[in-house]
Amino acid sequence: MMSAPAPRTGCLTPAKEAQDLKIRVHKYSPVPLYFQIAEATSAEIQLNHLNHRDKLKTERSLARELGVSLGTVRHAFQRLEDNHLVRRKQGSGTYLA
Protein backbone atom coordinates (compact mmCIF):
# COMPACT_ATOMS: atom_id res chain seq x y z
CA MET A 1 0.00 0.00 0.00
CA MET A 2 1.41 3.40 -0.97
CA SER A 3 1.47 6.20 1.54
CA ALA A 4 0.35 9.72 0.72
CA PRO A 5 3.10 11.99 -0.54
CA ALA A 6 4.60 14.35 2.00
CA PRO A 7 3.30 17.92 1.79
CA ARG A 8 5.59 20.29 -0.04
CA THR A 9 7.07 23.08 1.99
CA GLY A 10 6.98 26.65 0.86
CA CYS A 11 3.75 26.38 -1.09
CA LEU A 12 0.47 27.99 -0.18
CA THR A 13 -2.14 25.74 1.31
CA PRO A 14 -5.41 25.74 -0.59
CA ALA A 15 -8.29 27.67 0.93
CA LYS A 16 -10.58 25.45 2.92
CA GLU A 17 -14.17 25.34 1.81
CA ALA A 18 -16.72 26.94 4.09
CA GLN A 19 -19.29 24.17 3.94
CA ASP A 20 -21.04 24.79 7.22
CA LEU A 21 -22.74 28.11 6.62
CA LYS A 22 -25.65 28.40 9.00
CA ILE A 23 -28.04 30.10 6.62
CA ARG A 24 -31.79 29.91 6.80
CA VAL A 25 -34.17 31.75 4.56
CA HIS A 26 -37.75 32.54 5.37
CA LYS A 27 -39.62 32.49 2.09
CA TYR A 28 -42.69 34.29 3.43
CA SER A 29 -40.74 37.10 5.09
CA PRO A 30 -41.10 40.62 3.66
CA VAL A 31 -37.26 40.73 3.59
CA PRO A 32 -35.96 39.74 0.13
CA LEU A 33 -34.31 36.31 -0.02
CA TYR A 34 -31.06 37.66 -1.50
CA PHE A 35 -30.82 40.10 1.41
CA GLN A 36 -31.42 37.31 3.95
CA ILE A 37 -28.64 35.22 2.39
CA ALA A 38 -26.20 38.14 2.22
CA GLU A 39 -26.92 39.21 5.81
CA ALA A 40 -26.63 35.66 7.19
CA THR A 41 -23.31 35.15 5.39
CA SER A 42 -22.07 38.54 6.59
CA ALA A 43 -23.02 37.60 10.17
CA GLU A 44 -21.09 34.32 9.89
CA ILE A 45 -18.03 36.27 8.74
CA GLN A 46 -18.35 38.82 11.55
CA LEU A 47 -18.75 36.07 14.16
CA ASN A 48 -15.48 34.57 12.86
CA HIS A 49 -17.20 31.34 11.84
CA LEU A 50 -15.54 31.84 8.47
CA ASN A 51 -11.89 32.65 7.98
CA HIS A 52 -9.98 34.83 5.56
CA ARG A 53 -9.59 33.09 2.17
CA ASP A 54 -12.19 30.39 2.89
CA LYS A 55 -14.01 29.31 -0.24
CA LEU A 56 -17.79 29.58 -0.12
CA LYS A 57 -20.08 26.96 -1.56
CA THR A 58 -20.84 27.28 -5.23
CA GLU A 59 -23.78 29.44 -6.18
CA ARG A 60 -25.58 26.42 -7.62
CA SER A 61 -25.12 24.21 -4.59
CA LEU A 62 -26.20 26.95 -2.19
CA ALA A 63 -29.27 27.71 -4.33
CA ARG A 64 -30.20 24.02 -4.36
CA GLU A 65 -29.60 23.66 -0.62
CA LEU A 66 -31.72 26.71 0.24
CA GLY A 67 -34.41 26.01 -2.34
CA VAL A 68 -34.01 29.39 -4.04
CA SER A 69 -33.16 30.43 -7.57
CA LEU A 70 -29.60 30.73 -8.82
CA GLY A 71 -30.27 34.41 -9.53
CA THR A 72 -31.15 34.98 -5.88
CA VAL A 73 -27.83 33.55 -4.69
CA ARG A 74 -25.94 35.48 -7.37
CA HIS A 75 -27.61 38.68 -6.19
CA ALA A 76 -26.60 37.90 -2.58
CA PHE A 77 -22.99 37.16 -3.57
CA GLN A 78 -22.89 40.37 -5.62
CA ARG A 79 -24.02 42.31 -2.56
CA LEU A 80 -21.27 40.68 -0.48
CA GLU A 81 -18.73 41.51 -3.17
CA ASP A 82 -19.94 45.12 -3.33
CA ASN A 83 -19.37 45.34 0.44
CA HIS A 84 -15.85 43.90 0.02
CA LEU A 85 -16.61 40.81 2.12
CA VAL A 86 -15.94 38.31 -0.68
CA ARG A 87 -14.14 38.21 -3.97
CA ARG A 88 -15.26 36.18 -6.94
CA LYS A 89 -12.87 34.49 -9.33
CA GLN A 90 -14.45 33.34 -12.54
CA GLY A 91 -14.07 29.60 -12.94
CA SER A 92 -12.66 29.19 -9.43
CA GLY A 93 -15.31 30.28 -6.94
CA THR A 94 -16.15 32.85 -4.30
CA TYR A 95 -13.67 33.48 -1.49
CA LEU A 96 -13.70 35.59 1.64
CA ALA A 97 -11.82 38.81 1.09
C-alpha atoms as a PDB file:
ATOM      1  CA  MET A   1       0.000   0.000   0.000  1.00  0.00           C
ATOM      2  CA  MET A   2       1.406   3.398  -0.975  1.00  0.00           C
ATOM      3  CA  SER A   3       1.467   6.203   1.537  1.00  0.00           C
ATOM      4  CA  ALA A   4       0.354   9.717   0.717  1.00  0.00           C
ATOM      5  CA  PRO A   5       3.102  11.991  -0.543  1.00  0.00           C
ATOM      6  CA  ALA A   6       4.595  14.354   2.001  1.00  0.00           C
ATOM      7  CA  PRO A   7       3.305  17.919   1.786  1.00  0.00           C
ATOM      8  CA  ARG A   8       5.591  20.292  -0.039  1.00  0.00           C
ATOM      9  CA  THR A   9       7.067  23.075   1.992  1.00  0.00           C
ATOM     10  CA  GLY A  10       6.983  26.652   0.857  1.00  0.00           C
ATOM     11  CA  CYS A  11       3.747  26.378  -1.089  1.00  0.00           C
ATOM     12  CA  LEU A  12       0.471  27.993  -0.179  1.00  0.00           C
ATOM     13  CA  THR A  13      -2.139  25.739   1.313  1.00  0.00           C
ATOM     14  CA  PRO A  14      -5.408  25.745  -0.589  1.00  0.00           C
ATOM     15  CA  ALA A  15      -8.286  27.666   0.927  1.00  0.00           C
ATOM     16  CA  LYS A  16     -10.583  25.448   2.923  1.00  0.00           C
ATOM     17  CA  GLU A  17     -14.168  25.341   1.809  1.00  0.00           C
ATOM     18  CA  ALA A  18     -16.721  26.940   4.092  1.00  0.00           C
ATOM     19  CA  GLN A  19     -19.288  24.165   3.938  1.00  0.00           C
ATOM     20  CA  ASP A  20     -21.041  24.792   7.216  1.00  0.00           C
ATOM     21  CA  LEU A  21     -22.739  28.113   6.618  1.00  0.00           C
ATOM     22  CA  LYS A  22     -25.647  28.403   8.999  1.00  0.00           C
ATOM     23  CA  ILE A  23     -28.040  30.100   6.620  1.00  0.00           C
ATOM     24  CA  ARG A  24     -31.792  29.906   6.797  1.00  0.00           C
ATOM     25  CA  VAL A  25     -34.172  31.745   4.557  1.00  0.00           C
ATOM     26  CA  HIS A  26     -37.748  32.540   5.369  1.00  0.00           C
ATOM     27  CA  LYS A  27     -39.621  32.495   2.091  1.00  0.00           C
ATOM     28  CA  TYR A  28     -42.692  34.290   3.433  1.00  0.00           C
ATOM     29  CA  SER A  29     -40.744  37.098   5.087  1.00  0.00           C
ATOM     30  CA  PRO A  30     -41.102  40.617   3.660  1.00  0.00           C
ATOM     31  CA  VAL A  31     -37.260  40.731   3.591  1.00  0.00           C
ATOM     32  CA  PRO A  32     -35.965  39.737   0.132  1.00  0.00           C
ATOM     33  CA  LEU A  33     -34.313  36.314  -0.023  1.00  0.00           C
ATOM     34  CA  TYR A  34     -31.063  37.656  -1.495  1.00  0.00           C
ATOM     35  CA  PHE A  35     -30.818  40.103   1.407  1.00  0.00           C
ATOM     36  CA  GLN A  36     -31.419  37.313   3.953  1.00  0.00           C
ATOM     37  CA  ILE A  37     -28.636  35.220   2.387  1.00  0.00           C
ATOM     38  CA  ALA A  38     -26.201  38.143   2.223  1.00  0.00           C
ATOM     39  CA  GLU A  39     -26.922  39.206   5.814  1.00  0.00           C
ATOM     40  CA  ALA A  40     -26.631  35.662   7.187  1.00  0.00           C
ATOM     41  CA  THR A  41     -23.306  35.154   5.388  1.00  0.00           C
ATOM     42  CA  SER A  42     -22.073  38.539   6.593  1.00  0.00           C
ATOM     43  CA  ALA A  43     -23.015  37.595  10.171  1.00  0.00           C
ATOM     44  CA  GLU A  44     -21.088  34.317   9.893  1.00  0.00           C
ATOM     45  CA  ILE A  45     -18.034  36.273   8.745  1.00  0.00           C
ATOM     46  CA  GLN A  46     -18.352  38.820  11.549  1.00  0.00           C
ATOM     47  CA  LEU A  47     -18.752  36.072  14.163  1.00  0.00           C
ATOM     48  CA  ASN A  48     -15.484  34.569  12.864  1.00  0.00           C
ATOM     49  CA  HIS A  49     -17.201  31.343  11.838  1.00  0.00           C
ATOM     50  CA  LEU A  50     -15.538  31.835   8.470  1.00  0.00           C
ATOM     51  CA  ASN A  51     -11.888  32.646   7.982  1.00  0.00           C
ATOM     52  CA  HIS A  52      -9.983  34.826   5.556  1.00  0.00           C
ATOM     53  CA  ARG A  53      -9.588  33.087   2.173  1.00  0.00           C
ATOM     54  CA  ASP A  54     -12.188  30.392   2.895  1.00  0.00           C
ATOM     55  CA  LYS A  55     -14.009  29.308  -0.236  1.00  0.00           C
ATOM     56  CA  LEU A  56     -17.788  29.582  -0.123  1.00  0.00           C
ATOM     57  CA  LYS A  57     -20.080  26.960  -1.564  1.00  0.00           C
ATOM     58  CA  THR A  58     -20.836  27.275  -5.234  1.00  0.00           C
ATOM     59  CA  GLU A  59     -23.775  29.440  -6.181  1.00  0.00           C
ATOM     60  CA  ARG A  60     -25.577  26.418  -7.620  1.00  0.00           C
ATOM     61  CA  SER A  61     -25.116  24.205  -4.590  1.00  0.00           C
ATOM     62  CA  LEU A  62     -26.199  26.952  -2.193  1.00  0.00           C
ATOM     63  CA  ALA A  63     -29.271  27.713  -4.331  1.00  0.00           C
ATOM     64  CA  ARG A  64     -30.200  24.023  -4.360  1.00  0.00           C
ATOM     65  CA  GLU A  65     -29.598  23.660  -0.619  1.00  0.00           C
ATOM     66  CA  LEU A  66     -31.723  26.711   0.241  1.00  0.00           C
ATOM     67  CA  GLY A  67     -34.412  26.008  -2.342  1.00  0.00           C
ATOM     68  CA  VAL A  68     -34.012  29.389  -4.043  1.00  0.00           C
ATOM     69  CA  SER A  69     -33.163  30.426  -7.568  1.00  0.00           C
ATOM     70  CA  LEU A  70     -29.603  30.727  -8.820  1.00  0.00           C
ATOM     71  CA  GLY A  71     -30.267  34.410  -9.534  1.00  0.00           C
ATOM     72  CA  THR A  72     -31.150  34.980  -5.880  1.00  0.00           C
ATOM     73  CA  VAL A  73     -27.829  33.549  -4.692  1.00  0.00           C
ATOM     74  CA  ARG A  74     -25.935  35.479  -7.373  1.00  0.00           C
ATOM     75  CA  HIS A  75     -27.611  38.679  -6.187  1.00  0.00           C
ATOM     76  CA  ALA A  76     -26.605  37.896  -2.579  1.00  0.00           C
ATOM     77  CA  PHE A  77     -22.993  37.161  -3.569  1.00  0.00           C
ATOM     78  CA  GLN A  78     -22.886  40.366  -5.624  1.00  0.00           C
ATOM     79  CA  ARG A  79     -24.023  42.312  -2.564  1.00  0.00           C
ATOM     80  CA  LEU A  80     -21.273  40.676  -0.480  1.00  0.00           C
ATOM     81  CA  GLU A  81     -18.726  41.510  -3.166  1.00  0.00           C
ATOM     82  CA  ASP A  82     -19.939  45.123  -3.332  1.00  0.00           C
ATOM     83  CA  ASN A  83     -19.375  45.336   0.439  1.00  0.00           C
ATOM     84  CA  HIS A  84     -15.847  43.905   0.025  1.00  0.00           C
ATOM     85  CA  LEU A  85     -16.610  40.806   2.118  1.00  0.00           C
ATOM     86  CA  VAL A  86     -15.943  38.310  -0.678  1.00  0.00           C
ATOM     87  CA  ARG A  87     -14.136  38.215  -3.971  1.00  0.00           C
ATOM     88  CA  ARG A  88     -15.264  36.183  -6.937  1.00  0.00           C
ATOM     89  CA  LYS A  89     -12.866  34.489  -9.328  1.00  0.00           C
ATOM     90  CA  GLN A  90     -14.449  33.341 -12.540  1.00  0.00           C
ATOM     91  CA  GLY A  91     -14.073  29.603 -12.941  1.00  0.00           C
ATOM     92  CA  SER A  92     -12.661  29.193  -9.429  1.00  0.00           C
ATOM     93  CA  GLY A  93     -15.307  30.283  -6.943  1.00  0.00           C
ATOM     94  CA  THR A  94     -16.149  32.847  -4.301  1.00  0.00           C
ATOM     95  CA  TYR A  95     -13.673  33.481  -1.489  1.00  0.00           C
ATOM     96  CA  LEU A  96     -13.703  35.588   1.638  1.00  0.00           C
ATOM     97  CA  ALA A  97     -11.818  38.812   1.094  1.00  0.00           C
END
